[in-house]
Amino acid sequence: DAREVRFDGLAPIGYDYLVFGLGAEVNF
């Protein structure tokens, strides 16, 4: 809603476009 991402140790960053490329978890 706020178009913002929060981080550990870094100030929040607002965005106009957000790209998710965080990878995959191991599937056992």
PDB file of all heavy atoms in Angstrom:
ATOM      1  N   ASP A   1       0.825  -1.213   0.000  1.00  0.00           N
ATOM      2  CA  ASP A   1       0.000   0.000   0.000  1.00  0.00           C
ATOM      3  C   ASP A   1       0.858   1.262   0.000  1.00  0.00           C
ATOM      4  O   ASP A   1       0.570   2.228  -0.709  1.00  0.00           O
ATOM      5  CB  ASP A   1      -0.933   0.009   1.224  1.00  0.00           C
ATOM      6  CG  ASP A   1      -1.968  -1.108   1.160  1.00  0.00           C
ATOM      7  OD1 ASP A   1      -2.377  -1.463   0.033  1.00  0.00           O
ATOM      8  OD2 ASP A   1      -2.352  -1.617   2.226  1.00  0.00           O
ATOM      9  N   ALA A   2       1.935   1.237   0.786  1.00  0.00           N
ATOM     10  CA  ALA A   2       2.811   2.403   0.860  1.00  0.00           C
ATOM     11  C   ALA A   2       3.881   2.398  -0.221  1.00  0.00           C
ATOM     12  O   ALA A   2       4.641   3.358  -0.350  1.00  0.00           O
ATOM     13  CB  ALA A   2       3.480   2.461   2.229  1.00  0.00           C
ATOM     14  N   ARG A   3       3.944   1.302  -0.985  1.00  0.00           N
ATOM     15  CA  ARG A   3       4.989   1.132  -2.008  1.00  0.00           C
ATOM     16  C   ARG A   3       6.370   1.333  -1.388  1.00  0.00           C
ATOM     17  O   ARG A   3       7.171   2.167  -1.831  1.00  0.00           O
ATOM     18  CB  ARG A   3       4.785   2.087  -3.184  1.00  0.00           C
ATOM     19  CG  ARG A   3       3.614   1.720  -4.072  1.00  0.00           C
ATOM     20  CD  ARG A   3       3.443   2.691  -5.222  1.00  0.00           C
ATOM     21  NE  ARG A   3       2.451   2.236  -6.165  1.00  0.00           N
ATOM     22  CZ  ARG A   3       2.711   1.507  -7.242  1.00  0.00           C
ATOM     23  NH1 ARG A   3       3.961   1.153  -7.499  1.00  0.00           N
ATOM     24  NH2 ARG A   3       1.754   1.129  -8.067  1.00  0.00           N
ATOM     25  N   GLU A   4       6.644   0.526  -0.361  1.00  0.00           N
ATOM     26  CA  GLU A   4       7.875   0.670   0.387  1.00  0.00           C
ATOM     27  C   GLU A   4       8.358  -0.688   0.877  1.00  0.00           C
ATOM     28  O   GLU A   4       7.556  -1.540   1.248  1.00  0.00           O
ATOM     29  CB  GLU A   4       7.640   1.605   1.582  1.00  0.00           C
ATOM     30  CG  GLU A   4       8.868   1.888   2.409  1.00  0.00           C
ATOM     31  CD  GLU A   4       8.553   2.799   3.585  1.00  0.00           C
ATOM     32  OE1 GLU A   4       8.084   2.270   4.634  1.00  0.00           O
ATOM     33  OE2 GLU A   4       8.748   4.024   3.458  1.00  0.00           O
ATOM     34  N   VAL A   5       9.673  -0.880   0.861  1.00  0.00           N
ATOM     35  CA  VAL A   5      10.275  -2.108   1.366  1.00  0.00           C
ATOM     36  C   VAL A   5      11.168  -1.755   2.546  1.00  0.00           C
ATOM     37  O   VAL A   5      11.928  -0.781   2.507  1.00  0.00           O
ATOM     38  CB  VAL A   5      11.104  -2.815   0.267  1.00  0.00           C
ATOM     39  CG1 VAL A   5      11.772  -4.077   0.827  1.00  0.00           C
ATOM     40  CG2 VAL A   5      10.204  -3.184  -0.911  1.00  0.00           C
ATOM     41  N   ARG A   6      11.063  -2.539   3.605  1.00  0.00           N
ATOM     42  CA  ARG A   6      11.889  -2.319   4.793  1.00  0.00           C
ATOM     43  C   ARG A   6      12.978  -3.384   4.882  1.00  0.00           C
ATOM     44  O   ARG A   6      12.790  -4.525   4.447  1.00  0.00           O
ATOM     45  CB  ARG A   6      11.021  -2.325   6.054  1.00  0.00           C
ATOM     46  CG  ARG A   6      10.075  -1.132   6.110  1.00  0.00           C
ATOM     47  CD  ARG A   6       9.371  -1.040   7.461  1.00  0.00           C
ATOM     48  NE  ARG A   6       8.353  -2.068   7.617  1.00  0.00           N
ATOM     49  CZ  ARG A   6       7.104  -1.963   7.148  1.00  0.00           C
ATOM     50  NH1 ARG A   6       6.736  -0.883   6.479  1.00  0.00           N
ATOM     51  NH2 ARG A   6       6.233  -2.940   7.348  1.00  0.00           N
ATOM     52  N   PHE A   7      14.097  -2.990   5.479  1.00  0.00           N
ATOM     53  CA  PHE A   7      15.283  -3.850   5.519  1.00  0.00           C
ATOM     54  C   PHE A   7      15.888  -3.867   6.918  1.00  0.00           C
ATOM     55  O   PHE A   7      15.587  -3.011   7.755  1.00  0.00           O
ATOM     56  CB  PHE A   7      16.345  -3.351   4.524  1.00  0.00           C
ATOM     57  CG  PHE A   7      15.858  -3.201   3.123  1.00  0.00           C
ATOM     58  CD1 PHE A   7      15.321  -1.994   2.687  1.00  0.00           C
ATOM     59  CD2 PHE A   7      15.925  -4.250   2.224  1.00  0.00           C
ATOM     60  CE1 PHE A   7      14.867  -1.842   1.386  1.00  0.00           C
ATOM     61  CE2 PHE A   7      15.469  -4.113   0.925  1.00  0.00           C
ATOM     62  CZ  PHE A   7      14.941  -2.901   0.506  1.00  0.00           C
ATOM     63  N   ASP A   8      16.758  -4.814   7.146  1.00  0.00           N
ATOM     64  CA  ASP A   8      17.519  -4.893   8.383  1.00  0.00           C
ATOM     65  C   ASP A   8      18.811  -4.099   8.212  1.00  0.00           C
ATOM     66  O   ASP A   8      19.682  -4.476   7.428  1.00  0.00           O
ATOM     67  CB  ASP A   8      17.831  -6.357   8.712  1.00  0.00           C
ATOM     68  CG  ASP A   8      18.578  -6.519  10.026  1.00  0.00           C
ATOM     69  OD1 ASP A   8      18.648  -5.541  10.791  1.00  0.00           O
ATOM     70  OD2 ASP A   8      19.094  -7.619  10.292  1.00  0.00           O
ATOM     71  N   GLY A   9      18.932  -2.980   8.915  1.00  0.00           N
ATOM     72  CA  GLY A   9      20.142  -2.177   8.849  1.00  0.00           C
ATOM     73  C   GLY A   9      20.206  -1.201   7.699  1.00  0.00           C
ATOM     74  O   GLY A   9      21.261  -0.606   7.452  1.00  0.00           O
ATOM     75  N   LEU A  10      19.119  -1.012   6.993  1.00  0.00           N
ATOM     76  CA  LEU A  10      19.063  -0.066   5.872  1.00  0.00           C
ATOM     77  C   LEU A  10      17.730   0.669   5.926  1.00  0.00           C
ATOM     78  O   LEU A  10      16.697   0.058   6.216  1.00  0.00           O
ATOM     79  CB  LEU A  10      19.201  -0.811   4.534  1.00  0.00           C
ATOM     80  CG  LEU A  10      19.120   0.029   3.250  1.00  0.00           C
ATOM     81  CD1 LEU A  10      20.346   0.940   3.137  1.00  0.00           C
ATOM     82  CD2 LEU A  10      19.026  -0.882   2.026  1.00  0.00           C
ATOM     83  N   ALA A  11      17.750   1.960   5.664  1.00  0.00           N
ATOM     84  CA  ALA A  11      16.518   2.750   5.699  1.00  0.00           C
ATOM     85  C   ALA A  11      15.523   2.229   4.671  1.00  0.00           C
ATOM     86  O   ALA A  11      15.920   1.703   3.621  1.00  0.00           O
ATOM     87  CB  ALA A  11      16.839   4.214   5.436  1.00  0.00           C
ATOM     88  N   PRO A  12      14.208   2.347   4.951  1.00  0.00           N
ATOM     89  CA  PRO A  12      13.198   1.885   3.986  1.00  0.00           C
ATOM     90  C   PRO A  12      13.382   2.555   2.625  1.00  0.00           C
ATOM     91  O   PRO A  12      13.818   3.705   2.539  1.00  0.00           O
ATOM     92  CB  PRO A  12      11.877   2.306   4.639  1.00  0.00           C
ATOM     93  CG  PRO A  12      12.184   2.397   6.088  1.00  0.00           C
ATOM     94  CD  PRO A  12      13.610   2.895   6.173  1.00  0.00           C
ATOM     95  N   ILE A  13      13.060   1.836   1.586  1.00  0.00           N
ATOM     96  CA  ILE A  13      13.177   2.355   0.217  1.00  0.00           C
ATOM     97  C   ILE A  13      11.812   2.289  -0.451  1.00  0.00           C
ATOM     98  O   ILE A  13      11.182   1.228  -0.496  1.00  0.00           O
ATOM     99  CB  ILE A  13      14.198   1.536  -0.600  1.00  0.00           C
ATOM    100  CG1 ILE A  13      15.583   1.618   0.040  1.00  0.00           C
ATOM    101  CG2 ILE A  13      14.256   2.052  -2.042  1.00  0.00           C
ATOM    102  CD1 ILE A  13      16.639   0.788  -0.675  1.00  0.00           C
ATOM    103  N   GLY A  14      11.358   3.433  -0.957  1.00  0.00           N
ATOM    104  CA  GLY A  14      10.117   3.468  -1.706  1.00  0.00           C
ATOM    105  C   GLY A  14      10.357   3.093  -3.155  1.00  0.00           C
ATOM    106  O   GLY A  14      11.494   3.137  -3.640  1.00  0.00           O
ATOM    107  N   TYR A  15       9.301   2.737  -3.853  1.00  0.00           N
ATOM    108  CA  TYR A  15       9.468   2.307  -5.240  1.00  0.00           C
ATOM    109  C   TYR A  15       8.241   2.656  -6.075  1.00  0.00           C
ATOM    110  O   TYR A  15       7.143   2.846  -5.557  1.00  0.00           O
ATOM    111  CB  TYR A  15       9.701   0.800  -5.306  1.00  0.00           C
ATOM    112  CG  TYR A  15       8.533  -0.030  -4.795  1.00  0.00           C
ATOM    113  CD1 TYR A  15       7.455  -0.350  -5.624  1.00  0.00           C
ATOM    114  CD2 TYR A  15       8.486  -0.467  -3.472  1.00  0.00           C
ATOM    115  CE1 TYR A  15       6.380  -1.090  -5.157  1.00  0.00           C
ATOM    116  CE2 TYR A  15       7.422  -1.198  -2.990  1.00  0.00           C
ATOM    117  CZ  TYR A  15       6.365  -1.512  -3.843  1.00  0.00           C
ATOM    118  OH  TYR A  15       5.289  -2.237  -3.373  1.00  0.00           O
ATOM    119  N   ASP A  16       8.449   2.743  -7.368  1.00  0.00           N
ATOM    120  CA  ASP A  16       7.357   2.837  -8.336  1.00  0.00           C
ATOM    121  C   ASP A  16       7.089   1.476  -8.960  1.00  0.00           C
ATOM    122  O   ASP A  16       5.955   1.138  -9.267  1.00  0.00           O
ATOM    123  CB  ASP A  16       7.714   3.862  -9.431  1.00  0.00           C
ATOM    124  CG  ASP A  16       7.856   5.270  -8.875  1.00  0.00           C
ATOM    125  OD1 ASP A  16       6.830   5.858  -8.505  1.00  0.00           O
ATOM    126  OD2 ASP A  16       9.006   5.753  -8.789  1.00  0.00           O
ATOM    127  N   TYR A  17       8.171   0.715  -9.141  1.00  0.00           N
ATOM    128  CA  TYR A  17       8.062  -0.650  -9.666  1.00  0.00           C
ATOM    129  C   TYR A  17       8.911  -1.565  -8.776  1.00  0.00           C
ATOM    130  O   TYR A  17      10.037  -1.213  -8.418  1.00  0.00           O
ATOM    131  CB  TYR A  17       8.567  -0.731 -11.112  1.00  0.00           C
ATOM    132  CG  TYR A  17       7.790   0.139 -12.073  1.00  0.00           C
ATOM    133  CD1 TYR A  17       8.253   1.418 -12.382  1.00  0.00           C
ATOM    134  CD2 TYR A  17       6.606  -0.311 -12.663  1.00  0.00           C
ATOM    135  CE1 TYR A  17       7.544   2.237 -13.258  1.00  0.00           C
ATOM    136  CE2 TYR A  17       5.897   0.503 -13.538  1.00  0.00           C
ATOM    137  CZ  TYR A  17       6.366   1.775 -13.830  1.00  0.00           C
ATOM    138  OH  TYR A  17       5.662   2.573 -14.693  1.00  0.00           O
ATOM    139  N   LEU A  18       8.365  -2.714  -8.461  1.00  0.00           N
ATOM    140  CA  LEU A  18       9.059  -3.658  -7.586  1.00  0.00           C
ATOM    141  C   LEU A  18       9.302  -4.963  -8.332  1.00  0.00           C
ATOM    142  O   LEU A  18       8.375  -5.560  -8.879  1.00  0.00           O
ATOM    143  CB  LEU A  18       8.223  -3.934  -6.335  1.00  0.00           C
ATOM    144  CG  LEU A  18       8.823  -4.918  -5.316  1.00  0.00           C
ATOM    145  CD1 LEU A  18      10.117  -4.359  -4.731  1.00  0.00           C
ATOM    146  CD2 LEU A  18       7.823  -5.195  -4.199  1.00  0.00           C
ATOM    147  N   VAL A  19      10.567  -5.394  -8.348  1.00  0.00           N
ATOM    148  CA  VAL A  19      10.939  -6.650  -8.994  1.00  0.00           C
ATOM    149  C   VAL A  19      11.361  -7.633  -7.897  1.00  0.00           C
ATOM    150  O   VAL A  19      12.257  -7.331  -7.103  1.00  0.00           O
ATOM    151  CB  VAL A  19      12.098  -6.453  -9.990  1.00  0.00           C
ATOM    152  CG1 VAL A  19      12.512  -7.805 -10.593  1.00  0.00           C
ATOM    153  CG2 VAL A  19      11.698  -5.480 -11.086  1.00  0.00           C
ATOM    154  N   PHE A  20      10.698  -8.784  -7.862  1.00  0.00           N
ATOM    155  CA  PHE A  20      11.024  -9.819  -6.879  1.00  0.00           C
ATOM    156  C   PHE A  20      11.893 -10.887  -7.530  1.00  0.00           C
ATOM    157  O   PHE A  20      11.446 -11.587  -8.431  1.00  0.00           O
ATOM    158  CB  PHE A  20       9.740 -10.468  -6.349  1.00  0.00           C
ATOM    159  CG  PHE A  20       9.442 -10.147  -4.921  1.00  0.00           C
ATOM    160  CD1 PHE A  20       8.852  -8.934  -4.592  1.00  0.00           C
ATOM    161  CD2 PHE A  20       9.763 -11.028  -3.911  1.00  0.00           C
ATOM    162  CE1 PHE A  20       8.572  -8.615  -3.279  1.00  0.00           C
ATOM    163  CE2 PHE A  20       9.496 -10.720  -2.591  1.00  0.00           C
ATOM    164  CZ  PHE A  20       8.900  -9.511  -2.269  1.00  0.00           C
ATOM    165  N   GLY A  21      13.131 -11.001  -7.059  1.00  0.00           N
ATOM    166  CA  GLY A  21      14.021 -12.042  -7.577  1.00  0.00           C
ATOM    167  C   GLY A  21      14.798 -12.663  -6.436  1.00  0.00           C
ATOM    168  O   GLY A  21      16.018 -12.808  -6.511  1.00  0.00           O
ATOM    169  N   LEU A  22      14.086 -13.022  -5.376  1.00  0.00           N
ATOM    170  CA  LEU A  22      14.732 -13.462  -4.133  1.00  0.00           C
ATOM    171  C   LEU A  22      15.135 -14.929  -4.129  1.00  0.00           C
ATOM    172  O   LEU A  22      15.643 -15.424  -3.126  1.00  0.00           O
ATOM    173  CB  LEU A  22      13.812 -13.172  -2.936  1.00  0.00           C
ATOM    174  CG  LEU A  22      13.589 -11.678  -2.654  1.00  0.00           C
ATOM    175  CD1 LEU A  22      12.582 -11.486  -1.541  1.00  0.00           C
ATOM    176  CD2 LEU A  22      14.903 -11.011  -2.288  1.00  0.00           C
ATOM    177  N   GLY A  23      14.916 -15.643  -5.229  1.00  0.00           N
ATOM    178  CA  GLY A  23      15.381 -17.019  -5.301  1.00  0.00           C
ATOM    179  C   GLY A  23      14.395 -18.012  -4.731  1.00  0.00           C
ATOM    180  O   GLY A  23      13.241 -17.687  -4.441  1.00  0.00           O
ATOM    181  N   ALA A  24      14.873 -19.238  -4.538  1.00  0.00           N
ATOM    182  CA  ALA A  24      14.005 -20.331  -4.105  1.00  0.00           C
ATOM    183  C   ALA A  24      14.586 -20.997  -2.868  1.00  0.00           C
ATOM    184  O   ALA A  24      15.787 -20.936  -2.603  1.00  0.00           O
ATOM    185  CB  ALA A  24      13.865 -21.372  -5.222  1.00  0.00           C
ATOM    186  N   GLU A  25      13.719 -21.625  -2.125  1.00  0.00           N
ATOM    187  CA  GLU A  25      14.148 -22.406  -0.968  1.00  0.00           C
ATOM    188  C   GLU A  25      14.392 -23.857  -1.410  1.00  0.00           C
ATOM    189  O   GLU A  25      13.808 -24.330  -2.378  1.00  0.00           O
ATOM    190  CB  GLU A  25      13.083 -22.384   0.126  1.00  0.00           C
ATOM    191  CG  GLU A  25      12.910 -21.024   0.791  1.00  0.00           C
ATOM    192  CD  GLU A  25      14.118 -20.618   1.614  1.00  0.00           C
ATOM    193  OE1 GLU A  25      14.752 -21.517   2.206  1.00  0.00           O
ATOM    194  OE2 GLU A  25      14.440 -19.416   1.655  1.00  0.00           O
ATOM    195  N   VAL A  26      15.230 -24.556  -0.667  1.00  0.00           N
ATOM    196  CA  VAL A  26      15.490 -25.963  -0.966  1.00  0.00           C
ATOM    197  C   VAL A  26      14.241 -26.787  -0.656  1.00  0.00           C
ATOM    198  O   VAL A  26      13.607 -26.596   0.376  1.00  0.00           O
ATOM    199  CB  VAL A  26      16.666 -26.492  -0.124  1.00  0.00           C
ATOM    200  CG1 VAL A  26      16.936 -27.958  -0.448  1.00  0.00           C
ATOM    201  CG2 VAL A  26      17.909 -25.651  -0.366  1.00  0.00           C
ATOM    202  N   ASN A  27      13.878 -27.669  -1.559  1.00  0.00           N
ATOM    203  CA  ASN A  27      12.717 -28.535  -1.369  1.00  0.00           C
ATOM    204  C   ASN A  27      13.200 -29.960  -1.112  1.00  0.00           C
ATOM    205  O   ASN A  27      13.797 -30.585  -1.983  1.00  0.00           O
ATOM    206  CB  ASN A  27      11.818 -28.503  -2.613  1.00  0.00           C
ATOM    207  CG  ASN A  27      10.509 -29.226  -2.399  1.00  0.00           C
ATOM    208  OD1 ASN A  27      10.340 -29.947  -1.418  1.00  0.00           O
ATOM    209  ND2 ASN A  27       9.579 -29.039  -3.318  1.00  0.00           N
ATOM    210  N   PHE A  28      12.940 -30.453   0.090  1.00  0.00           N
ATOM    211  CA  PHE A  28      13.356 -31.815   0.433  1.00  0.00           C
ATOM    212  C   PHE A  28      12.236 -32.833   0.191  1.00  0.00           C
ATOM    213  O   PHE A  28      12.381 -34.004   0.527  1.00  0.00           O
ATOM    214  CB  PHE A  28      13.804 -31.875   1.897  1.00  0.00           C
ATOM    215  CG  PHE A  28      15.064 -31.104   2.169  1.00  0.00           C
ATOM    216  CD1 PHE A  28      15.024 -29.901   2.855  1.00  0.00           C
ATOM    217  CD2 PHE A  28      16.291 -31.573   1.726  1.00  0.00           C
ATOM    218  CE1 PHE A  28      16.188 -29.188   3.110  1.00  0.00           C
ATOM    219  CE2 PHE A  28      17.461 -30.866   1.968  1.00  0.00           C
ATOM    220  CZ  PHE A  28      17.400 -29.669   2.664  1.00  0.00           C
TER     221      PHE A  28
END
